[in-house]
Amino acid sequence: MRIIGILLLLLLILPIVEASAETSWTHEFEAGYITTKPLIVDDTVYARTSGLWTGNEQPVVAAFDVFTGEKVWSFASQTARQNDMTPLLYVDSGQGSCGVWEDLLIVGWVDGKITAHSPKNGSIVWENQTGDNFRGITGQMALETDRVVVPTRTGLSTFCLANGIELLRVETESIGWRNGVTVTEEGYIFGDEAGNLHTVTRNGNLSSTMLGEGKIRHAPLETRHGLFVHLQTDEGSSMYLNGSILGKMGHSPAMPLMHENRIYAATSDEWISILCGENTCAIESTEPFHSNGELSLRVVESGLEVWAPSNTPEGGWGVFNQTALMRMEHTSFDTYGTAAPGFSSGIVAIGNDAGTLQVTNLGFVSENTTQSESGTFEVFLRATILLMFVFTIVFLARKDWSTASKFGSAFLLVVAIVVVPDLSVKVAEQTSPRYDVEWDESWPDGWQETQVVVFEIDGITYAIGGLEPQKNVYDLTVIACQELDIEPQIEQQYLGPYLVSFNGFAGDGWEFMLDGQRSPVGMADAKLGDASIVEWRPA
């Protein structure tokens, strides 16, 4: 009997030991989106969040052990709040004309600050402030020898990697957003919201060229046939090569990338593969797909994989070869996503707009989804449960009721330890804070059982109801503004439409409450009931 019991234990524990070799853990940030690619460097995963545009959440940069999910360090900005979407930049140690530096993790913030952190403990090695403190840094930074090149809302700065001293500052006459910078032999090239391409030489001379009516929201790509730019327009998007239109595509383009002789791009309507041959670049294939954020490359034995987050309620990641969709990868927490996956040594780190980070072995994205921050602790709990269960069965088989009862009680206790936290999470999800929504007695009776919109603008309250029912907050807000003669400024960002101002009043941003509750999605995705009340207020 003992031999049989031992064999049974070995058979049960062996899969757990094997499973412990797999990397699979998740971390749910308290608030904010994950809109930029997590970085995997050696044994550490680095991720950042953006605020929820409510003015209250602090954006965070955090480091985790890649195998266990244990948090190594975390840094929360005390001054930035919204739209912190600049990709993280990891810099290996080195030296240059302005000094010597150790490994750095460089972070650009929406308040215009740039911070360089120790990757080991998150401490600030140096920091500096650009001239823009409102939506200051939102685009992709670049490295050049001993300096970091930083595009800002109104220009460009370079900083010494060794000490953070600003080496160059150039101002433009236009506004940028998500305006990543590219380093070329000619200098630094970046775009703006008016369709201008700016070139800054290394001695600070600025020249600008109007490309077309639209917004440049990515780092231009340098090809052997000239610069490639995917311009966002009111009608959709236009792709330019060396100043000439290459093709017209769908709305809200993603940030394109280039590998060898191919450019990969995406919009709300399609994924695009462009082949750059001997004479020019031309669109070779398209696939119906919805992706508006970052794309990521993974080199495999069979060639190349291009991963694109699906920015839809169903979420997931489309995995393409050079010309076509091969498969979709999914997790149990799929939702809107704009961040590209990070890859390293058979491991993938993925994040979504719900602030959930998952790190797992490639090929196990769907299968090995867990809810624990520490994979090691979860394996221990599972092993303990199985052991308790086996001992209970063994002593029951021997009719040792007293001992079996003891092990059975311990078994139930361990199960409770595992289950209760998950139940608590589920309860918390269902009981998120709500705010009282009261019917204003001054409102007309005709507004009863209709959709109502309330605006608090510069100390004045506006309200309207009885409108034609709409499906989402965005459509209802636009119609309400038309009826009340309020002028909204709305930007189309890759996360969706974003409310900038009402009647020119921007403040520190805007938030909306839907039926007394903050919405986890943007206004275009926030669904309305027949009698919903939408309240817009300054953040």
Protein backbone atom coordinates (compact mmCIF):
# COMPACT_ATOMS: atom_id res chain seq x y z
CA MET A 1 0.00 0.00 0.00
CA ARG A 2 2.84 2.38 0.88
CA ILE A 3 4.60 1.67 -2.43
CA ILE A 4 1.39 2.31 -4.32
CA GLY A 5 0.90 5.56 -2.42
CA ILE A 6 4.42 6.75 -3.17
CA LEU A 7 4.04 5.94 -6.86
CA LEU A 8 0.74 7.80 -6.92
CA LEU A 9 2.36 10.82 -5.31
CA LEU A 10 5.20 10.79 -7.83
CA LEU A 11 2.77 10.60 -10.71
CA LEU A 12 0.77 13.52 -9.34
CA ILE A 13 3.73 15.71 -8.42
CA LEU A 14 5.73 15.13 -11.63
CA PRO A 15 3.44 17.35 -13.79
CA ILE A 16 3.74 20.10 -11.16
CA VAL A 17 7.54 19.95 -11.23
CA GLU A 18 7.44 20.10 -15.02
CA ALA A 19 4.93 22.97 -14.92
CA SER A 20 7.18 24.94 -12.59
CA ALA A 21 9.73 25.10 -15.42
CA GLU A 22 7.20 27.06 -17.44
CA THR A 23 6.99 30.81 -17.02
CA SER A 24 3.41 31.95 -16.61
CA TRP A 25 2.23 34.80 -14.41
CA THR A 26 0.11 37.92 -14.55
CA HIS A 27 0.11 41.27 -12.81
CA GLU A 28 -2.86 43.61 -12.71
CA PHE A 29 -1.94 47.27 -12.22
CA GLU A 30 -4.31 49.16 -9.95
CA ALA A 31 -5.17 51.72 -12.64
CA GLY A 32 -4.16 52.80 -16.11
CA TYR A 33 -3.55 51.39 -19.53
CA ILE A 34 -0.54 49.47 -20.76
CA THR A 35 -0.08 51.15 -24.12
CA THR A 36 3.60 50.56 -24.82
CA LYS A 37 5.64 47.40 -25.27
CA PRO A 38 6.95 45.72 -22.10
CA LEU A 39 10.72 45.24 -22.25
CA ILE A 40 12.42 41.97 -21.31
CA VAL A 41 16.09 42.49 -20.46
CA ASP A 42 17.99 39.54 -18.99
CA ASP A 43 15.86 38.29 -16.06
CA THR A 44 13.68 41.39 -15.70
CA VAL A 45 10.48 42.66 -17.31
CA TYR A 46 9.88 46.41 -17.42
CA ALA A 47 6.40 47.84 -18.03
CA ARG A 48 4.72 51.22 -17.76
CA THR A 49 1.14 52.41 -17.47
CA SER A 50 -0.69 55.51 -18.60
CA GLY A 51 -3.33 57.35 -16.60
CA LEU A 52 -7.05 56.94 -17.26
CA TRP A 53 -7.55 60.59 -18.25
CA THR A 54 -9.33 61.25 -14.99
CA GLY A 55 -6.56 63.32 -13.48
CA ASN A 56 -6.22 61.11 -10.38
CA GLU A 57 -4.24 58.01 -11.31
CA GLN A 58 -0.47 58.09 -11.16
CA PRO A 59 1.32 56.50 -14.12
CA VAL A 60 3.75 53.81 -13.02
CA VAL A 61 6.94 52.20 -14.27
CA ALA A 62 7.64 48.81 -12.69
CA ALA A 63 10.16 45.97 -12.90
CA PHE A 64 9.36 42.27 -12.32
CA ASP A 65 11.31 39.05 -12.10
CA VAL A 66 10.70 37.43 -15.48
CA PHE A 67 10.30 33.92 -14.04
CA THR A 68 8.25 34.45 -10.87
CA GLY A 69 6.48 37.75 -11.44
CA GLU A 70 7.81 39.13 -8.16
CA LYS A 71 7.89 42.93 -8.26
CA VAL A 72 11.48 44.16 -8.07
CA TRP A 73 10.70 47.86 -7.91
CA SER A 74 8.07 50.42 -8.87
CA PHE A 75 8.19 54.14 -9.57
CA ALA A 76 5.09 56.37 -9.72
CA SER A 77 5.27 59.87 -11.17
CA GLN A 78 4.03 62.52 -8.76
CA THR A 79 3.53 65.13 -11.47
CA ALA A 80 2.41 63.36 -14.67
CA ARG A 81 -1.16 62.14 -14.93
CA GLN A 82 -2.48 61.50 -18.44
CA ASN A 83 -1.37 60.14 -21.81
CA ASP A 84 1.98 58.73 -20.67
CA MET A 85 2.54 56.65 -23.78
CA THR A 86 6.21 57.16 -24.61
CA PRO A 87 7.88 53.75 -25.12
CA LEU A 88 10.46 52.80 -22.49
CA LEU A 89 14.07 53.00 -23.63
CA TYR A 90 16.74 50.68 -22.23
CA VAL A 91 20.35 51.86 -22.64
CA ASP A 92 23.39 49.65 -22.12
CA SER A 93 26.35 51.09 -20.22
CA GLY A 94 28.91 53.04 -22.21
CA GLN A 95 30.93 56.20 -22.54
CA GLY A 96 31.10 59.16 -24.87
CA SER A 97 32.22 62.72 -25.21
CA CYS A 98 29.98 63.87 -22.35
CA GLY A 99 30.85 61.15 -19.85
CA VAL A 100 30.38 57.55 -18.68
CA TRP A 101 27.09 55.89 -17.76
CA GLU A 102 25.87 52.59 -16.35
CA ASP A 103 22.84 50.71 -17.71
CA LEU A 104 19.81 53.02 -17.77
CA LEU A 105 16.04 52.79 -18.19
CA ILE A 106 14.94 56.10 -19.68
CA VAL A 107 11.35 57.30 -19.28
CA GLY A 108 9.67 60.25 -20.99
CA TRP A 109 6.65 61.75 -19.18
CA VAL A 110 3.65 63.71 -20.36
CA ASP A 111 4.59 66.61 -18.08
CA GLY A 112 7.76 67.10 -20.16
CA LYS A 113 10.11 65.49 -17.65
CA ILE A 114 12.67 62.87 -18.64
CA THR A 115 14.04 60.51 -15.99
CA ALA A 116 16.87 57.98 -16.17
CA HIS A 117 16.52 55.10 -13.72
CA SER A 118 18.77 52.35 -12.45
CA PRO A 119 17.31 49.15 -13.95
CA LYS A 120 18.30 47.31 -10.76
CA ASN A 121 16.31 49.28 -8.18
CA GLY A 122 14.45 52.06 -10.04
CA SER A 123 16.34 54.89 -8.37
CA ILE A 124 16.66 58.08 -10.40
CA VAL A 125 20.17 58.49 -11.79
CA TRP A 126 19.37 61.84 -13.37
CA GLU A 127 16.37 63.86 -14.52
CA ASN A 128 15.67 66.97 -16.53
CA GLN A 129 12.71 69.03 -17.70
CA THR A 130 11.97 69.96 -21.30
CA GLY A 131 10.20 73.19 -22.18
CA ASP A 132 6.82 71.46 -22.58
CA ASN A 133 4.93 70.62 -19.39
CA PHE A 134 1.55 69.82 -21.01
CA ARG A 135 1.57 66.67 -23.15
CA GLY A 136 5.28 67.27 -23.17
CA ILE A 137 6.74 63.90 -24.23
CA THR A 138 4.46 61.38 -25.94
CA GLY A 139 6.52 60.01 -28.83
CA GLN A 140 9.24 57.42 -29.32
CA MET A 141 12.72 58.54 -28.25
CA ALA A 142 15.94 57.53 -30.00
CA LEU A 143 19.60 56.95 -29.13
CA GLU A 144 22.63 58.46 -30.83
CA THR A 145 26.09 57.60 -29.50
CA ASP A 146 26.21 59.27 -26.07
CA ARG A 147 22.87 61.07 -26.08
CA VAL A 148 19.13 60.43 -26.06
CA VAL A 149 17.04 62.30 -28.64
CA VAL A 150 13.64 63.36 -27.29
CA PRO A 151 10.76 64.71 -29.42
CA THR A 152 8.44 67.01 -27.47
CA ARG A 153 5.13 68.71 -28.10
CA THR A 154 6.75 71.82 -29.55
CA GLY A 155 10.21 70.72 -30.60
CA LEU A 156 13.16 68.45 -29.86
CA SER A 157 15.83 68.08 -27.19
CA THR A 158 18.91 65.91 -26.75
CA PHE A 159 20.35 64.92 -23.36
CA CYS A 160 23.71 63.52 -22.29
CA LEU A 161 23.34 59.91 -21.17
CA ALA A 162 25.98 60.35 -18.48
CA ASN A 163 24.43 63.22 -16.53
CA GLY A 164 21.16 64.33 -18.20
CA ILE A 165 22.48 67.74 -19.27
CA GLU A 166 20.49 69.16 -22.18
CA LEU A 167 22.81 69.39 -25.19
CA LEU A 168 20.39 70.73 -27.80
CA ARG A 169 16.95 72.36 -27.84
CA VAL A 170 15.05 73.33 -30.98
CA GLU A 171 11.51 74.77 -31.08
CA THR A 172 9.04 74.39 -33.95
CA GLU A 173 5.94 76.48 -34.61
CA SER A 174 3.58 73.51 -34.52
CA ILE A 175 2.26 70.90 -32.11
CA GLY A 176 3.25 67.23 -31.98
CA TRP A 177 1.60 64.16 -30.48
CA ARG A 178 3.05 60.63 -30.52
CA ASN A 179 5.63 62.22 -32.82
CA GLY A 180 8.48 59.73 -32.62
CA VAL A 181 11.93 60.75 -33.87
CA THR A 182 14.27 59.02 -36.33
CA VAL A 183 18.04 59.51 -36.39
CA THR A 184 19.55 59.75 -39.91
CA GLU A 185 22.81 60.95 -41.44
CA GLU A 186 21.07 64.24 -42.13
CA GLY A 187 19.98 64.72 -38.52
CA TYR A 188 16.84 64.13 -36.47
CA ILE A 189 13.49 63.80 -38.29
CA PHE A 190 10.02 63.93 -36.71
CA GLY A 191 6.49 65.04 -37.63
CA ASP A 192 3.61 66.99 -36.13
CA GLU A 193 -0.17 67.32 -36.06
CA ALA A 194 -0.23 69.57 -39.14
CA GLY A 195 1.48 67.15 -41.52
CA ASN A 196 4.90 68.78 -41.33
CA LEU A 197 8.17 66.85 -41.42
CA HIS A 198 10.89 68.56 -39.39
CA THR A 199 14.61 67.95 -39.83
CA VAL A 200 17.02 69.17 -37.15
CA THR A 201 20.73 69.06 -37.94
CA ARG A 202 23.20 68.22 -35.21
CA ASN A 203 24.17 71.86 -34.85
CA GLY A 204 20.51 72.85 -34.31
CA ASN A 205 19.38 74.11 -37.72
CA LEU A 206 15.68 73.43 -38.38
CA SER A 207 14.00 72.89 -41.73
CA SER A 208 10.38 71.86 -42.29
CA THR A 209 8.40 70.43 -45.19
CA MET A 210 4.62 70.20 -45.49
CA LEU A 211 3.85 66.59 -46.41
CA GLY A 212 0.06 66.73 -46.53
CA GLU A 213 -3.09 67.55 -44.59
CA GLY A 214 -3.02 65.21 -41.63
CA LYS A 215 -1.19 64.06 -38.52
CA ILE A 216 2.19 62.30 -38.30
CA ARG A 217 2.06 60.12 -35.20
CA HIS A 218 5.04 57.82 -35.55
CA ALA A 219 8.77 57.94 -36.15
CA PRO A 220 9.35 58.27 -39.93
CA LEU A 221 10.99 55.19 -41.46
CA GLU A 222 14.15 55.62 -43.50
CA THR A 223 14.22 53.40 -46.60
CA ARG A 224 16.67 53.32 -49.52
CA HIS A 225 13.94 55.03 -51.56
CA GLY A 226 13.32 57.87 -49.12
CA LEU A 227 11.29 58.44 -45.96
CA PHE A 228 8.11 56.46 -45.36
CA VAL A 229 5.32 58.22 -43.44
CA HIS A 230 1.80 56.99 -42.64
CA LEU A 231 -0.29 60.16 -42.36
CA GLN A 232 -3.56 60.13 -40.43
CA THR A 233 -6.28 62.09 -42.23
CA ASP A 234 -9.96 62.89 -41.68
CA GLU A 235 -10.92 60.46 -44.46
CA GLY A 236 -8.60 57.66 -43.34
CA SER A 237 -4.86 57.65 -43.89
CA SER A 238 -2.31 58.20 -46.65
CA MET A 239 1.07 56.52 -46.98
CA TYR A 240 3.90 58.65 -48.37
CA LEU A 241 7.25 57.57 -49.77
CA ASN A 242 9.81 60.27 -50.42
CA GLY A 243 7.03 62.89 -50.48
CA SER A 244 4.75 61.05 -52.93
CA ILE A 245 1.58 59.14 -52.06
CA LEU A 246 2.11 55.39 -51.99
CA GLY A 247 -1.49 54.51 -51.18
CA LYS A 248 -4.63 55.48 -49.27
CA MET A 249 -5.68 53.20 -46.42
CA GLY A 250 -8.03 52.99 -43.39
CA HIS A 251 -8.43 55.17 -40.32
CA SER A 252 -6.20 55.59 -37.25
CA PRO A 253 -2.94 54.05 -38.48
CA ALA A 254 -0.68 52.09 -36.18
CA MET A 255 3.01 52.88 -35.80
CA PRO A 256 4.70 51.15 -38.75
CA LEU A 257 8.02 49.36 -38.57
CA MET A 258 10.59 48.13 -41.05
CA HIS A 259 12.65 44.93 -41.25
CA GLU A 260 15.16 44.39 -44.04
CA ASN A 261 13.31 45.19 -47.28
CA ARG A 262 9.76 45.26 -45.91
CA ILE A 263 7.55 47.79 -44.14
CA TYR A 264 4.68 46.57 -41.97
CA ALA A 265 1.75 48.84 -41.14
CA ALA A 266 -1.85 48.63 -39.92
CA THR A 267 -5.05 50.65 -39.50
CA SER A 268 -8.53 50.14 -38.12
CA ASP A 269 -9.32 48.35 -41.38
CA GLU A 270 -6.27 46.38 -42.49
CA TRP A 271 -2.80 45.01 -41.90
CA ILE A 272 -0.37 46.01 -44.65
CA SER A 273 2.86 44.53 -46.03
CA ILE A 274 5.01 46.75 -48.27
CA LEU A 275 7.92 45.39 -50.28
CA CYS A 276 10.80 47.73 -51.08
CA GLY A 277 12.44 46.41 -54.26
CA GLU A 278 15.23 47.71 -56.43
CA ASN A 279 13.34 50.72 -57.75
CA THR A 280 10.65 51.62 -55.21
CA CYS A 281 8.41 50.40 -52.39
CA ALA A 282 4.95 49.05 -53.21
CA ILE A 283 2.04 47.52 -51.30
CA GLU A 284 2.27 43.76 -51.75
CA SER A 285 -0.56 42.47 -49.56
CA THR A 286 -3.25 43.50 -47.09
CA GLU A 287 -5.37 41.55 -44.59
CA PRO A 288 -8.59 42.72 -42.88
CA PHE A 289 -7.55 43.57 -39.32
CA HIS A 290 -8.02 46.25 -36.64
CA SER A 291 -4.81 47.49 -35.04
CA ASN A 292 -3.99 51.06 -33.99
CA GLY A 293 -1.00 50.84 -31.67
CA GLU A 294 2.44 49.31 -31.85
CA LEU A 295 3.64 46.39 -33.95
CA SER A 296 6.38 43.97 -32.91
CA LEU A 297 8.78 41.65 -34.76
CA ARG A 298 9.95 38.20 -33.74
CA VAL A 299 12.58 36.34 -35.72
CA VAL A 300 11.86 32.58 -35.85
CA GLU A 301 13.48 29.61 -37.60
CA SER A 302 10.93 29.75 -40.39
CA GLY A 303 11.56 33.45 -41.01
CA LEU A 304 9.69 36.28 -39.32
CA GLU A 305 6.56 36.89 -37.27
CA VAL A 306 4.84 40.26 -37.05
CA TRP A 307 2.60 40.60 -33.99
CA ALA A 308 -0.20 43.19 -34.02
CA PRO A 309 -2.55 43.84 -31.06
CA SER A 310 -6.22 43.70 -32.02
CA ASN A 311 -7.74 46.92 -30.69
CA THR A 312 -11.25 45.47 -30.36
CA PRO A 313 -13.40 44.30 -27.42
CA GLU A 314 -12.37 40.72 -28.25
CA GLY A 315 -8.68 41.67 -28.18
CA GLY A 316 -5.95 39.18 -28.93
CA TRP A 317 -2.86 39.44 -31.10
CA GLY A 318 -2.67 38.74 -34.81
CA VAL A 319 0.49 36.91 -35.83
CA PHE A 320 1.49 37.49 -39.45
CA ASN A 321 4.27 36.26 -41.70
CA GLN A 322 5.61 38.60 -44.37
CA THR A 323 2.35 38.66 -46.32
CA ALA A 324 -0.57 37.04 -44.45
CA LEU A 325 -2.24 36.31 -41.11
CA MET A 326 -1.07 32.96 -39.72
CA ARG A 327 -2.96 32.77 -36.43
CA MET A 328 -4.52 34.65 -33.51
CA GLU A 329 -3.12 34.45 -29.99
CA HIS A 330 -5.56 34.90 -27.10
CA THR A 331 -5.59 35.08 -23.30
CA SER A 332 -8.37 34.76 -20.74
CA PHE A 333 -8.29 38.54 -20.14
CA ASP A 334 -8.52 39.70 -23.77
CA THR A 335 -9.85 43.20 -24.36
CA TYR A 336 -8.75 46.32 -26.23
CA GLY A 337 -5.01 46.38 -26.80
CA THR A 338 -2.50 48.76 -28.35
CA ALA A 339 0.83 47.70 -26.81
CA ALA A 340 3.17 45.50 -28.81
CA PRO A 341 4.43 42.29 -27.18
CA GLY A 342 7.98 42.09 -25.87
CA PHE A 343 10.05 38.96 -26.67
CA SER A 344 13.16 37.32 -25.24
CA SER A 345 14.46 33.73 -25.28
CA GLY A 346 11.16 32.01 -25.87
CA ILE A 347 9.22 34.25 -23.48
CA VAL A 348 6.60 36.85 -24.40
CA ALA A 349 5.39 39.78 -22.29
CA ILE A 350 2.01 41.17 -23.29
CA GLY A 351 -0.15 43.97 -21.88
CA ASN A 352 -3.57 45.42 -22.64
CA ASP A 353 -5.68 48.51 -22.09
CA ALA A 354 -7.11 47.03 -18.88
CA GLY A 355 -3.68 47.30 -17.25
CA THR A 356 -3.04 43.53 -17.21
CA LEU A 357 0.49 42.28 -17.85
CA GLN A 358 1.12 38.62 -18.67
CA VAL A 359 4.50 36.97 -19.07
CA THR A 360 4.51 33.43 -20.41
CA ASN A 361 6.31 30.96 -22.61
CA LEU A 362 5.64 31.33 -26.31
CA GLY A 363 3.06 28.82 -27.41
CA PHE A 364 1.35 28.96 -24.02
CA VAL A 365 -0.34 32.36 -24.32
CA SER A 366 -3.83 30.84 -24.31
CA GLU A 367 -3.19 27.76 -22.20
CA ASN A 368 -1.06 28.94 -19.29
CA THR A 369 -2.99 31.96 -18.05
CA THR A 370 -2.87 32.44 -14.28
CA GLN A 371 -4.08 35.15 -11.94
CA SER A 372 -1.17 35.08 -9.49
CA GLU A 373 1.62 37.61 -9.41
CA SER A 374 4.05 34.88 -8.36
CA GLY A 375 4.18 31.67 -10.35
CA THR A 376 6.39 29.97 -7.74
CA PHE A 377 3.89 30.56 -4.93
CA GLU A 378 1.04 29.23 -7.03
CA VAL A 379 2.96 26.04 -7.88
CA PHE A 380 3.61 25.54 -4.16
CA LEU A 381 -0.08 25.92 -3.33
CA ARG A 382 -1.12 23.48 -6.04
CA ALA A 383 1.42 20.93 -4.83
CA THR A 384 0.19 21.34 -1.25
CA ILE A 385 -3.43 20.82 -2.28
CA LEU A 386 -2.59 17.64 -4.15
CA LEU A 387 -0.52 16.28 -1.27
CA MET A 388 -3.30 16.95 1.23
CA PHE A 389 -5.81 15.32 -1.07
CA VAL A 390 -3.65 12.21 -1.59
CA PHE A 391 -2.97 11.76 2.13
CA THR A 392 -6.69 12.08 2.87
CA ILE A 393 -7.52 9.36 0.32
CA VAL A 394 -4.73 7.08 1.65
CA PHE A 395 -5.88 7.28 5.27
CA LEU A 396 -9.52 6.85 4.28
CA ALA A 397 -8.51 3.70 2.41
CA ARG A 398 -6.88 2.46 5.65
CA LYS A 399 -10.02 3.48 7.56
CA ASP A 400 -7.95 5.72 9.78
CA TRP A 401 -10.82 8.16 10.19
CA SER A 402 -9.15 10.44 12.72
CA THR A 403 -6.02 11.02 10.64
CA ALA A 404 -8.06 11.32 7.43
CA SER A 405 -10.23 13.98 9.10
CA LYS A 406 -7.16 15.99 10.03
CA PHE A 407 -5.72 15.88 6.54
CA GLY A 408 -9.15 16.54 5.04
CA SER A 409 -9.55 19.68 7.15
CA ALA A 410 -6.10 20.86 6.14
CA PHE A 411 -6.98 20.14 2.51
CA LEU A 412 -10.12 22.29 2.73
CA LEU A 413 -8.15 25.07 4.44
CA VAL A 414 -5.54 25.21 1.69
CA VAL A 415 -8.28 25.20 -0.97
CA ALA A 416 -9.87 28.16 0.82
CA ILE A 417 -6.56 30.01 0.88
CA VAL A 418 -6.35 29.67 -2.88
CA VAL A 419 -9.99 30.33 -3.72
CA VAL A 420 -10.89 33.20 -1.39
CA PRO A 421 -8.47 35.76 -2.89
CA ASP A 422 -9.86 35.02 -6.35
CA LEU A 423 -13.38 35.38 -5.02
CA SER A 424 -12.38 38.67 -3.41
CA VAL A 425 -11.08 39.94 -6.73
CA LYS A 426 -14.32 38.99 -8.46
CA VAL A 427 -16.39 40.68 -5.75
CA ALA A 428 -14.24 43.81 -6.02
CA GLU A 429 -14.73 43.86 -9.77
CA GLN A 430 -18.50 43.80 -9.25
CA THR A 431 -18.48 46.43 -6.49
CA SER A 432 -16.25 49.15 -7.92
CA PRO A 433 -16.96 52.61 -6.47
CA ARG A 434 -20.06 54.32 -7.76
CA TYR A 435 -21.26 57.87 -7.36
CA ASP A 436 -24.80 58.93 -6.60
CA VAL A 437 -26.76 59.81 -9.71
CA GLU A 438 -29.72 61.97 -8.74
CA TRP A 439 -32.45 63.27 -10.95
CA ASP A 440 -32.34 67.06 -10.95
CA GLU A 441 -35.82 68.37 -10.18
CA SER A 442 -35.13 71.37 -12.40
CA TRP A 443 -34.91 69.12 -15.44
CA PRO A 444 -38.05 68.93 -17.64
CA ASP A 445 -40.32 65.93 -17.12
CA GLY A 446 -39.86 65.16 -20.80
CA TRP A 447 -36.29 64.10 -20.06
CA GLN A 448 -37.51 61.22 -17.91
CA GLU A 449 -36.45 57.83 -19.32
CA THR A 450 -34.20 59.50 -21.90
CA GLN A 451 -30.46 59.96 -22.16
CA VAL A 452 -29.19 63.06 -20.33
CA VAL A 453 -25.84 64.83 -20.69
CA VAL A 454 -24.40 67.25 -18.12
CA PHE A 455 -21.37 69.49 -18.70
CA GLU A 456 -19.45 71.42 -16.03
CA ILE A 457 -17.44 73.96 -18.03
CA ASP A 458 -15.45 76.71 -16.37
CA GLY A 459 -17.80 76.82 -13.37
CA ILE A 460 -21.02 76.73 -15.41
CA THR A 461 -23.32 73.71 -15.63
CA TYR A 462 -25.09 72.83 -18.87
CA ALA A 463 -27.57 69.98 -19.24
CA ILE A 464 -29.73 68.52 -22.00
CA GLY A 465 -31.96 65.48 -22.38
CA GLY A 466 -34.75 64.15 -24.55
CA LEU A 467 -32.39 63.64 -27.46
CA GLU A 468 -32.51 60.87 -30.03
CA PRO A 469 -31.05 57.85 -28.20
CA GLN A 470 -27.43 57.04 -29.05
CA LYS A 471 -25.37 53.89 -28.65
CA ASN A 472 -22.24 55.36 -27.04
CA VAL A 473 -21.00 58.36 -25.05
CA TYR A 474 -19.07 59.80 -28.00
CA ASP A 475 -22.12 60.10 -30.29
CA LEU A 476 -24.32 61.45 -27.50
CA THR A 477 -21.70 64.03 -26.50
CA VAL A 478 -21.33 65.33 -30.06
CA ILE A 479 -25.10 65.70 -30.50
CA ALA A 480 -25.51 67.35 -27.08
CA CYS A 481 -22.77 69.87 -27.89
CA GLN A 482 -24.51 70.75 -31.15
CA GLU A 483 -27.81 71.36 -29.34
CA LEU A 484 -26.18 73.44 -26.57
CA ASP A 485 -23.88 75.34 -28.94
CA ILE A 486 -20.81 73.99 -27.13
CA GLU A 487 -17.68 73.64 -29.22
CA PRO A 488 -15.80 70.42 -28.40
CA GLN A 489 -12.26 69.73 -29.52
CA ILE A 490 -11.83 66.00 -30.04
CA GLU A 491 -8.63 64.32 -31.18
CA GLN A 492 -8.58 60.95 -32.88
CA GLN A 493 -5.89 58.97 -31.12
CA TYR A 494 -5.02 55.34 -31.61
CA LEU A 495 -6.85 54.55 -28.37
CA GLY A 496 -9.91 56.22 -29.92
CA PRO A 497 -11.38 59.73 -29.76
CA TYR A 498 -10.06 61.86 -26.89
CA LEU A 499 -11.81 64.97 -25.54
CA VAL A 500 -9.35 67.87 -25.43
CA SER A 501 -11.56 70.83 -24.54
CA PHE A 502 -15.06 72.33 -24.40
CA ASN A 503 -15.35 75.89 -25.71
CA GLY A 504 -11.57 76.10 -25.66
CA PHE A 505 -11.38 75.21 -21.96
CA ALA A 506 -8.91 72.33 -21.57
CA GLY A 507 -7.79 72.59 -17.94
CA ASP A 508 -5.94 69.47 -16.82
CA GLY A 509 -8.08 67.20 -18.94
CA TRP A 510 -11.64 65.87 -18.89
CA GLU A 511 -13.39 62.80 -17.55
CA PHE A 512 -16.91 61.47 -17.91
CA MET A 513 -19.08 59.53 -15.51
CA LEU A 514 -21.60 57.09 -16.97
CA ASP A 515 -24.56 56.44 -14.68
CA GLY A 516 -22.43 57.48 -11.72
CA GLN A 517 -19.46 55.27 -12.50
CA ARG A 518 -16.11 55.78 -14.17
CA SER A 519 -15.92 53.93 -17.43
CA PRO A 520 -13.05 51.47 -18.02
CA VAL A 521 -13.20 52.23 -21.76
CA GLY A 522 -13.10 55.38 -23.88
CA MET A 523 -16.12 57.40 -24.87
CA ALA A 524 -16.49 55.70 -28.25
CA ASP A 525 -16.71 52.28 -26.57
CA ALA A 526 -18.80 53.26 -23.53
CA LYS A 527 -22.27 51.86 -24.27
CA LEU A 528 -25.43 53.70 -23.21
CA GLY A 529 -28.74 52.56 -21.83
CA ASP A 530 -32.03 54.17 -22.82
CA ALA A 531 -31.99 56.36 -19.68
CA SER A 532 -28.26 56.79 -19.10
CA ILE A 533 -26.88 59.96 -17.53
CA VAL A 534 -23.48 61.17 -18.77
CA GLU A 535 -21.62 63.78 -16.72
CA TRP A 536 -18.57 65.58 -18.14
CA ARG A 537 -16.37 67.35 -15.62
CA PRO A 538 -12.79 68.68 -15.44
CA ALA A 539 -10.25 66.10 -14.30
